[in-house]
Amino acid sequence: MRDDLPENLTGVLVTEVKDGSWAAVGELQANDIIQTVNDQPVTEITALETTMKSVAKQRPKFVVLRVVRGVHTRYLELEPSWDNTK
C-alpha cells in the first residue's frame, strides 16, 4: 500500500486500469483501493482474484465495487460485456 494511507485500511490497491476496459468505463482508477466486490471483502490480491473468478463464472449483469479514492468511499457499478470474455 501507499505510505500516505492509514495502516488499518484494508483492500487491494489498483495500479493500472486499461483504457477501454469495463473497469475503465465503470470509472475505476489507478490508486483506487478495492475493498469489496459484490459485497465480498477483498483484503489481498489472492482474495480479489478468487472473487473475480467466481464473478466471471456467475456472469452477473452488474459488478459493484466499493473503493476508497483519496478520502472518499465510492461504489462503482460496472457492467461487464461477458460476450467478449472467455
PDB file of N, CA and C in Angstrom:
ATOM      1  N   MET A   1       0.830  -1.184   0.000  1.00  0.00           N
ATOM      2  CA  MET A   1       0.000   0.000   0.000  1.00  0.00           C
ATOM      3  C   MET A   1       0.875   1.248   0.000  1.00  0.00           C
ATOM      4  N   ARG A   2       0.250   2.364  -0.289  1.00  0.00           N
ATOM      5  CA  ARG A   2       0.994   3.623  -0.304  1.00  0.00           C
ATOM      6  C   ARG A   2       1.274   4.067   1.117  1.00  0.00           C
ATOM      7  N   ASP A   3       2.327   4.842   1.281  1.00  0.00           N
ATOM      8  CA  ASP A   3       2.743   5.319   2.599  1.00  0.00           C
ATOM      9  C   ASP A   3       1.771   6.319   3.208  1.00  0.00           C
ATOM     10  N   ASP A   4       0.991   7.033   2.393  1.00  0.00           N
ATOM     11  CA  ASP A   4       0.111   8.075   2.918  1.00  0.00           C
ATOM     12  C   ASP A   4      -1.258   7.563   3.351  1.00  0.00           C
ATOM     13  N   LEU A   5      -1.454   6.248   3.328  1.00  0.00           N
ATOM     14  CA  LEU A   5      -2.736   5.670   3.713  1.00  0.00           C
ATOM     15  C   LEU A   5      -2.701   5.171   5.148  1.00  0.00           C
ATOM     16  N   PRO A   6      -3.843   5.180   5.823  1.00  0.00           N
ATOM     17  CA  PRO A   6      -3.889   4.653   7.189  1.00  0.00           C
ATOM     18  C   PRO A   6      -3.497   3.178   7.216  1.00  0.00           C
ATOM     19  N   GLU A   7      -2.795   2.777   8.261  1.00  0.00           N
ATOM     20  CA  GLU A   7      -2.339   1.388   8.371  1.00  0.00           C
ATOM     21  C   GLU A   7      -3.495   0.406   8.458  1.00  0.00           C
ATOM     22  N   ASN A   8      -4.617   0.819   9.037  1.00  0.00           N
ATOM     23  CA  ASN A   8      -5.743  -0.098   9.214  1.00  0.00           C
ATOM     24  C   ASN A   8      -6.667  -0.185   8.003  1.00  0.00           C
ATOM     25  N   LEU A   9      -6.345   0.510   6.929  1.00  0.00           N
ATOM     26  CA  LEU A   9      -7.155   0.474   5.712  1.00  0.00           C
ATOM     27  C   LEU A   9      -6.915  -0.843   4.991  1.00  0.00           C
ATOM     28  N   THR A  10      -7.994  -1.580   4.723  1.00  0.00           N
ATOM     29  CA  THR A  10      -7.856  -2.852   4.023  1.00  0.00           C
ATOM     30  C   THR A  10      -8.322  -2.719   2.592  1.00  0.00           C
ATOM     31  N   GLY A  11      -7.837  -3.589   1.754  1.00  0.00           N
ATOM     32  CA  GLY A  11      -8.238  -3.597   0.358  1.00  0.00           C
ATOM     33  C   GLY A  11      -7.058  -3.845  -0.548  1.00  0.00           C
ATOM     34  N   VAL A  12      -7.326  -3.772  -1.836  1.00  0.00           N
ATOM     35  CA  VAL A  12      -6.311  -4.023  -2.859  1.00  0.00           C
ATOM     36  C   VAL A  12      -6.114  -2.752  -3.669  1.00  0.00           C
ATOM     37  N   LEU A  13      -4.883  -2.309  -3.761  1.00  0.00           N
ATOM     38  CA  LEU A  13      -4.533  -1.098  -4.494  1.00  0.00           C
ATOM     39  C   LEU A  13      -4.524  -1.362  -5.991  1.00  0.00           C
ATOM     40  N   VAL A  14      -5.246  -0.547  -6.742  1.00  0.00           N
ATOM     41  CA  VAL A  14      -5.273  -0.634  -8.205  1.00  0.00           C
ATOM     42  C   VAL A  14      -4.073   0.143  -8.730  1.00  0.00           C
ATOM     43  N   THR A  15      -3.217  -0.512  -9.494  1.00  0.00           N
ATOM     44  CA  THR A  15      -2.032   0.156 -10.029  1.00  0.00           C
ATOM     45  C   THR A  15      -2.203   0.581 -11.484  1.00  0.00           C
ATOM     46  N   GLU A  16      -3.160  -0.055 -12.188  1.00  0.00           N
ATOM     47  CA  GLU A  16      -3.362   0.282 -13.603  1.00  0.00           C
ATOM     48  C   GLU A  16      -4.774  -0.101 -14.010  1.00  0.00           C
ATOM     49  N   VAL A  17      -5.378   0.724 -14.852  1.00  0.00           N
ATOM     50  CA  VAL A  17      -6.666   0.420 -15.458  1.00  0.00           C
ATOM     51  C   VAL A  17      -6.495   0.655 -16.954  1.00  0.00           C
ATOM     52  N   LYS A  18      -6.729  -0.384 -17.745  1.00  0.00           N
ATOM     53  CA  LYS A  18      -6.534  -0.266 -19.189  1.00  0.00           C
ATOM     54  C   LYS A  18      -7.669   0.520 -19.830  1.00  0.00           C
ATOM     55  N   ASP A  19      -7.303   1.462 -20.697  1.00  0.00           N
ATOM     56  CA  ASP A  19      -8.286   2.250 -21.433  1.00  0.00           C
ATOM     57  C   ASP A  19      -9.230   1.329 -22.191  1.00  0.00           C
ATOM     58  N   GLY A  20     -10.507   1.630 -22.136  1.00  0.00           N
ATOM     59  CA  GLY A  20     -11.499   0.858 -22.869  1.00  0.00           C
ATOM     60  C   GLY A  20     -11.989  -0.386 -22.151  1.00  0.00           C
ATOM     61  N   SER A  21     -11.369  -0.759 -21.044  1.00  0.00           N
ATOM     62  CA  SER A  21     -11.819  -1.938 -20.303  1.00  0.00           C
ATOM     63  C   SER A  21     -13.111  -1.619 -19.573  1.00  0.00           C
ATOM     64  N   TRP A  22     -13.853  -2.670 -19.167  1.00  0.00           N
ATOM     65  CA  TRP A  22     -15.099  -2.388 -18.447  1.00  0.00           C
ATOM     66  C   TRP A  22     -14.816  -1.742 -17.112  1.00  0.00           C
ATOM     67  N   ALA A  23     -13.630  -1.963 -16.538  1.00  0.00           N
ATOM     68  CA  ALA A  23     -13.256  -1.268 -15.302  1.00  0.00           C
ATOM     69  C   ALA A  23     -13.101   0.233 -15.566  1.00  0.00           C
ATOM     70  N   ALA A  24     -12.473   0.583 -16.687  1.00  0.00           N
ATOM     71  CA  ALA A  24     -12.295   1.994 -17.033  1.00  0.00           C
ATOM     72  C   ALA A  24     -13.638   2.653 -17.335  1.00  0.00           C
ATOM     73  N   VAL A  25     -14.480   1.962 -18.062  1.00  0.00           N
ATOM     74  CA  VAL A  25     -15.804   2.501 -18.379  1.00  0.00           C
ATOM     75  C   VAL A  25     -16.602   2.717 -17.087  1.00  0.00           C
ATOM     76  N   GLY A  26     -16.396   1.840 -16.105  1.00  0.00           N
ATOM     77  CA  GLY A  26     -17.066   1.973 -14.812  1.00  0.00           C
ATOM     78  C   GLY A  26     -16.399   2.967 -13.883  1.00  0.00           C
ATOM     79  N   GLU A  27     -15.391   3.650 -14.382  1.00  0.00           N
ATOM     80  CA  GLU A  27     -14.682   4.727 -13.680  1.00  0.00           C
ATOM     81  C   GLU A  27     -13.747   4.268 -12.563  1.00  0.00           C
ATOM     82  N   LEU A  28     -13.296   3.012 -12.595  1.00  0.00           N
ATOM     83  CA  LEU A  28     -12.241   2.586 -11.693  1.00  0.00           C
ATOM     84  C   LEU A  28     -10.962   3.287 -12.126  1.00  0.00           C
ATOM     85  N   GLN A  29     -10.158   3.723 -11.171  1.00  0.00           N
ATOM     86  CA  GLN A  29      -8.944   4.471 -11.488  1.00  0.00           C
ATOM     87  C   GLN A  29      -7.738   3.890 -10.768  1.00  0.00           C
ATOM     88  N   ALA A  30      -6.561   4.124 -11.339  1.00  0.00           N
ATOM     89  CA  ALA A  30      -5.318   3.778 -10.654  1.00  0.00           C
ATOM     90  C   ALA A  30      -5.297   4.501  -9.319  1.00  0.00           C
ATOM     91  N   ASN A  31      -4.791   3.858  -8.315  1.00  0.00           N
ATOM     92  CA  ASN A  31      -4.696   4.338  -6.928  1.00  0.00           C
ATOM     93  C   ASN A  31      -5.996   4.180  -6.148  1.00  0.00           C
ATOM     94  N   ASP A  32      -7.076   3.679  -6.779  1.00  0.00           N
ATOM     95  CA  ASP A  32      -8.254   3.299  -6.009  1.00  0.00           C
ATOM     96  C   ASP A  32      -7.883   2.077  -5.174  1.00  0.00           C
ATOM     97  N   ILE A  33      -8.551   1.924  -4.057  1.00  0.00           N
ATOM     98  CA  ILE A  33      -8.365   0.737  -3.227  1.00  0.00           C
ATOM     99  C   ILE A  33      -9.689  -0.008  -3.214  1.00  0.00           C
ATOM    100  N   ILE A  34      -9.695  -1.197  -3.795  1.00  0.00           N
ATOM    101  CA  ILE A  34     -10.904  -2.013  -3.839  1.00  0.00           C
ATOM    102  C   ILE A  34     -11.056  -2.704  -2.490  1.00  0.00           C
ATOM    103  N   GLN A  35     -12.201  -2.483  -1.843  1.00  0.00           N
ATOM    104  CA  GLN A  35     -12.459  -3.100  -0.548  1.00  0.00           C
ATOM    105  C   GLN A  35     -13.449  -4.257  -0.638  1.00  0.00           C
ATOM    106  N   THR A  36     -14.434  -4.149  -1.533  1.00  0.00           N
ATOM    107  CA  THR A  36     -15.376  -5.245  -1.726  1.00  0.00           C
ATOM    108  C   THR A  36     -15.735  -5.370  -3.199  1.00  0.00           C
ATOM    109  N   VAL A  37     -16.110  -6.590  -3.575  1.00  0.00           N
ATOM    110  CA  VAL A  37     -16.655  -6.884  -4.896  1.00  0.00           C
ATOM    111  C   VAL A  37     -17.966  -7.620  -4.647  1.00  0.00           C
ATOM    112  N   ASN A  38     -19.071  -7.030  -5.066  1.00  0.00           N
ATOM    113  CA  ASN A  38     -20.400  -7.604  -4.816  1.00  0.00           C
ATOM    114  C   ASN A  38     -20.565  -8.012  -3.356  1.00  0.00           C
ATOM    115  N   ASP A  39     -20.198  -7.109  -2.475  1.00  0.00           N
ATOM    116  CA  ASP A  39     -20.309  -7.275  -1.021  1.00  0.00           C
ATOM    117  C   ASP A  39     -19.346  -8.301  -0.424  1.00  0.00           C
ATOM    118  N   GLN A  40     -18.450  -8.853  -1.220  1.00  0.00           N
ATOM    119  CA  GLN A  40     -17.455  -9.785  -0.701  1.00  0.00           C
ATOM    120  C   GLN A  40     -16.178  -9.006  -0.395  1.00  0.00           C
ATOM    121  N   PRO A  41     -15.709  -9.053   0.858  1.00  0.00           N
ATOM    122  CA  PRO A  41     -14.498  -8.297   1.193  1.00  0.00           C
ATOM    123  C   PRO A  41     -13.270  -8.838   0.467  1.00  0.00           C
ATOM    124  N   VAL A  42     -12.420  -7.930   0.040  1.00  0.00           N
ATOM    125  CA  VAL A  42     -11.137  -8.306  -0.559  1.00  0.00           C
ATOM    126  C   VAL A  42     -10.045  -7.562   0.206  1.00  0.00           C
ATOM    127  N   THR A  43      -9.224  -8.317   0.889  1.00  0.00           N
ATOM    128  CA  THR A  43      -8.189  -7.718   1.718  1.00  0.00           C
ATOM    129  C   THR A  43      -6.799  -7.918   1.143  1.00  0.00           C
ATOM    130  N   GLU A  44      -6.702  -8.762   0.143  1.00  0.00           N
ATOM    131  CA  GLU A  44      -5.407  -9.020  -0.506  1.00  0.00           C
ATOM    132  C   GLU A  44      -5.664  -9.470  -1.939  1.00  0.00           C
ATOM    133  N   ILE A  45      -4.619  -9.482  -2.724  1.00  0.00           N
ATOM    134  CA  ILE A  45      -4.762  -9.766  -4.155  1.00  0.00           C
ATOM    135  C   ILE A  45      -5.322 -11.162  -4.413  1.00  0.00           C
ATOM    136  N   THR A  46      -4.937 -12.151  -3.618  1.00  0.00           N
ATOM    137  CA  THR A  46      -5.459 -13.503  -3.843  1.00  0.00           C
ATOM    138  C   THR A  46      -6.965 -13.555  -3.605  1.00  0.00           C
ATOM    139  N   ALA A  47      -7.458 -12.820  -2.621  1.00  0.00           N
ATOM    140  CA  ALA A  47      -8.902 -12.758  -2.369  1.00  0.00           C
ATOM    141  C   ALA A  47      -9.613 -12.089  -3.534  1.00  0.00           C
ATOM    142  N   LEU A  48      -9.008 -11.044  -4.086  1.00  0.00           N
ATOM    143  CA  LEU A  48      -9.601 -10.368  -5.247  1.00  0.00           C
ATOM    144  C   LEU A  48      -9.654 -11.310  -6.448  1.00  0.00           C
ATOM    145  N   GLU A  49      -8.566 -12.027  -6.684  1.00  0.00           N
ATOM    146  CA  GLU A  49      -8.528 -12.966  -7.809  1.00  0.00           C
ATOM    147  C   GLU A  49      -9.587 -14.050  -7.660  1.00  0.00           C
ATOM    148  N   THR A  50      -9.707 -14.610  -6.466  1.00  0.00           N
ATOM    149  CA  THR A  50     -10.700 -15.654  -6.208  1.00  0.00           C
ATOM    150  C   THR A  50     -12.111 -15.119  -6.410  1.00  0.00           C
ATOM    151  N   THR A  51     -12.373 -13.936  -5.887  1.00  0.00           N
ATOM    152  CA  THR A  51     -13.696 -13.326  -6.018  1.00  0.00           C
ATOM    153  C   THR A  51     -14.012 -13.036  -7.475  1.00  0.00           C
ATOM    154  N   MET A  52     -13.045 -12.523  -8.229  1.00  0.00           N
ATOM    155  CA  MET A  52     -13.289 -12.201  -9.634  1.00  0.00           C
ATOM    156  C   MET A  52     -13.505 -13.456 -10.469  1.00  0.00           C
ATOM    157  N   LYS A  53     -12.839 -14.552 -10.135  1.00  0.00           N
ATOM    158  CA  LYS A  53     -13.086 -15.823 -10.839  1.00  0.00           C
ATOM    159  C   LYS A  53     -14.516 -16.287 -10.588  1.00  0.00           C
ATOM    160  N   SER A  54     -14.972 -16.139  -9.361  1.00  0.00           N
ATOM    161  CA  SER A  54     -16.345 -16.503  -9.023  1.00  0.00           C
ATOM    162  C   SER A  54     -17.337 -15.615  -9.762  1.00  0.00           C
ATOM    163  N   VAL A  55     -17.057 -14.330  -9.818  1.00  0.00           N
ATOM    164  CA  VAL A  55     -17.920 -13.389 -10.544  1.00  0.00           C
ATOM    165  C   VAL A  55     -17.970 -13.768 -12.022  1.00  0.00           C
ATOM    166  N   ALA A  56     -16.826 -14.108 -12.600  1.00  0.00           N
ATOM    167  CA  ALA A  56     -16.781 -14.463 -14.019  1.00  0.00           C
ATOM    168  C   ALA A  56     -17.609 -15.713 -14.306  1.00  0.00           C
ATOM    169  N   LYS A  57     -17.636 -16.656 -13.377  1.00  0.00           N
ATOM    170  CA  LYS A  57     -18.449 -17.860 -13.558  1.00  0.00           C
ATOM    171  C   LYS A  57     -19.933 -17.532 -13.467  1.00  0.00           C
ATOM    172  N   GLN A  58     -20.294 -16.624 -12.566  1.00  0.00           N
ATOM    173  CA  GLN A  58     -21.693 -16.262 -12.364  1.00  0.00           C
ATOM    174  C   GLN A  58     -22.221 -15.328 -13.453  1.00  0.00           C
ATOM    175  N   ARG A  59     -21.333 -14.524 -14.024  1.00  0.00           N
ATOM    176  CA  ARG A  59     -21.678 -13.569 -15.077  1.00  0.00           C
ATOM    177  C   ARG A  59     -22.876 -12.677 -14.733  1.00  0.00           C
ATOM    178  N   PRO A  60     -22.796 -11.981 -13.607  1.00  0.00           N
ATOM    179  CA  PRO A  60     -23.913 -11.092 -13.268  1.00  0.00           C
ATOM    180  C   PRO A  60     -23.968  -9.905 -14.221  1.00  0.00           C
ATOM    181  N   LYS A  61     -25.140  -9.296 -14.300  1.00  0.00           N
ATOM    182  CA  LYS A  61     -25.299  -8.131 -15.184  1.00  0.00           C
ATOM    183  C   LYS A  61     -24.447  -6.960 -14.699  1.00  0.00           C
ATOM    184  N   PHE A  62     -24.333  -6.803 -13.361  1.00  0.00           N
ATOM    185  CA  PHE A  62     -23.543  -5.724 -12.784  1.00  0.00           C
ATOM    186  C   PHE A  62     -22.582  -6.284 -11.748  1.00  0.00           C
ATOM    187  N   VAL A  63     -21.442  -5.639 -11.616  1.00  0.00           N
ATOM    188  CA  VAL A  63     -20.478  -5.943 -10.567  1.00  0.00           C
ATOM    189  C   VAL A  63     -20.275  -4.641  -9.796  1.00  0.00           C
ATOM    190  N   VAL A  64     -20.496  -4.691  -8.495  1.00  0.00           N
ATOM    191  CA  VAL A  64     -20.404  -3.491  -7.674  1.00  0.00           C
ATOM    192  C   VAL A  64     -19.131  -3.551  -6.831  1.00  0.00           C
ATOM    193  N   LEU A  65     -18.317  -2.530  -6.965  1.00  0.00           N
ATOM    194  CA  LEU A  65     -17.085  -2.412  -6.190  1.00  0.00           C
ATOM    195  C   LEU A  65     -17.224  -1.291  -5.176  1.00  0.00           C
ATOM    196  N   ARG A  66     -16.790  -1.537  -3.959  1.00  0.00           N
ATOM    197  CA  ARG A  66     -16.633  -0.438  -3.001  1.00  0.00           C
ATOM    198  C   ARG A  66     -15.154  -0.097  -3.020  1.00  0.00           C
ATOM    199  N   VAL A  67     -14.857   1.155  -3.342  1.00  0.00           N
ATOM    200  CA  VAL A  67     -13.468   1.583  -3.436  1.00  0.00           C
ATOM    201  C   VAL A  67     -13.237   2.824  -2.587  1.00  0.00           C
ATOM    202  N   VAL A  68     -12.016   2.947  -2.129  1.00  0.00           N
ATOM    203  CA  VAL A  68     -11.571   4.158  -1.454  1.00  0.00           C
ATOM    204  C   VAL A  68     -10.739   4.924  -2.465  1.00  0.00           C
ATOM    205  N   ARG A  69     -11.106   6.193  -2.660  1.00  0.00           N
ATOM    206  CA  ARG A  69     -10.371   7.072  -3.576  1.00  0.00           C
ATOM    207  C   ARG A  69     -10.068   8.340  -2.790  1.00  0.00           C
ATOM    208  N   GLY A  70      -8.819   8.468  -2.387  1.00  0.00           N
ATOM    209  CA  GLY A  70      -8.451   9.602  -1.544  1.00  0.00           C
ATOM    210  C   GLY A  70      -9.149   9.469  -0.210  1.00  0.00           C
ATOM    211  N   VAL A  71      -9.896  10.500   0.182  1.00  0.00           N
ATOM    212  CA  VAL A  71     -10.614  10.468   1.461  1.00  0.00           C
ATOM    213  C   VAL A  71     -12.062  10.011   1.286  1.00  0.00           C
ATOM    214  N   HIS A  72     -12.449   9.649   0.072  1.00  0.00           N
ATOM    215  CA  HIS A  72     -13.835   9.285  -0.222  1.00  0.00           C
ATOM    216  C   HIS A  72     -13.994   7.789  -0.456  1.00  0.00           C
ATOM    217  N   THR A  73     -15.130   7.266  -0.033  1.00  0.00           N
ATOM    218  CA  THR A  73     -15.516   5.903  -0.367  1.00  0.00           C
ATOM    219  C   THR A  73     -16.571   5.999  -1.458  1.00  0.00           C
ATOM    220  N   ARG A  74     -16.394   5.190  -2.496  1.00  0.00           N
ATOM    221  CA  ARG A  74     -17.316   5.217  -3.638  1.00  0.00           C
ATOM    222  C   ARG A  74     -17.784   3.806  -3.951  1.00  0.00           C
ATOM    223  N   TYR A  75     -18.961   3.732  -4.519  1.00  0.00           N
ATOM    224  CA  TYR A  75     -19.477   2.473  -5.049  1.00  0.00           C
ATOM    225  C   TYR A  75     -19.531   2.605  -6.558  1.00  0.00           C
ATOM    226  N   LEU A  76     -18.848   1.710  -7.229  1.00  0.00           N
ATOM    227  CA  LEU A  76     -18.810   1.737  -8.689  1.00  0.00           C
ATOM    228  C   LEU A  76     -19.593   0.545  -9.211  1.00  0.00           C
ATOM    229  N   GLU A  77     -20.537   0.804 -10.076  1.00  0.00           N
ATOM    230  CA  GLU A  77     -21.326  -0.260 -10.684  1.00  0.00           C
ATOM    231  C   GLU A  77     -20.793  -0.490 -12.093  1.00  0.00           C
ATOM    232  N   LEU A  78     -20.176  -1.642 -12.277  1.00  0.00           N
ATOM    233  CA  LEU A  78     -19.585  -1.990 -13.563  1.00  0.00           C
ATOM    234  C   LEU A  78     -20.531  -2.924 -14.302  1.00  0.00           C
ATOM    235  N   GLU A  79     -20.629  -2.741 -15.611  1.00  0.00           N
ATOM    236  CA  GLU A  79     -21.480  -3.590 -16.435  1.00  0.00           C
ATOM    237  C   GLU A  79     -20.596  -4.315 -17.451  1.00  0.00           C
ATOM    238  N   PRO A  80     -20.102  -5.493 -17.051  1.00  0.00           N
ATOM    239  CA  PRO A  80     -19.190  -6.212 -17.951  1.00  0.00           C
ATOM    240  C   PRO A  80     -19.892  -6.690 -19.216  1.00  0.00           C
ATOM    241  N   SER A  81     -19.119  -6.827 -20.270  1.00  0.00           N
ATOM    242  CA  SER A  81     -19.608  -7.403 -21.509  1.00  0.00           C
ATOM    243  C   SER A  81     -19.120  -8.839 -21.559  1.00  0.00           C
ATOM    244  N   TRP A  82     -19.893  -9.756 -21.007  1.00  0.00           N
ATOM    245  CA  TRP A  82     -19.474 -11.153 -20.907  1.00  0.00           C
ATOM    246  C   TRP A  82     -19.347 -11.813 -22.261  1.00  0.00           C
ATOM    247  N   ASP A  83     -20.012 -11.304 -23.276  1.00  0.00           N
ATOM    248  CA  ASP A  83     -19.924 -11.907 -24.606  1.00  0.00           C
ATOM    249  C   ASP A  83     -18.506 -11.852 -25.167  1.00  0.00           C
ATOM    250  N   ASN A  84     -17.717 -10.889 -24.680  1.00  0.00           N
ATOM    251  CA  ASN A  84     -16.356 -10.707 -25.192  1.00  0.00           C
ATOM    252  C   ASN A  84     -15.305 -11.409 -24.341  1.00  0.00           C
ATOM    253  N   THR A  85     -15.704 -12.164 -23.315  1.00  0.00           N
ATOM    254  CA  THR A  85     -14.748 -12.830 -22.451  1.00  0.00           C
ATOM    255  C   THR A  85     -14.831 -14.325 -22.641  1.00  0.00           C
ATOM    256  N   LYS A  86     -13.753 -14.970 -22.313  1.00  0.00           N
ATOM    257  CA  LYS A  86     -13.714 -16.439 -22.426  1.00  0.00           C
ATOM    258  C   LYS A  86     -13.764 -17.071 -21.071  1.00  0.00           C
TER     259      LYS A  86
END
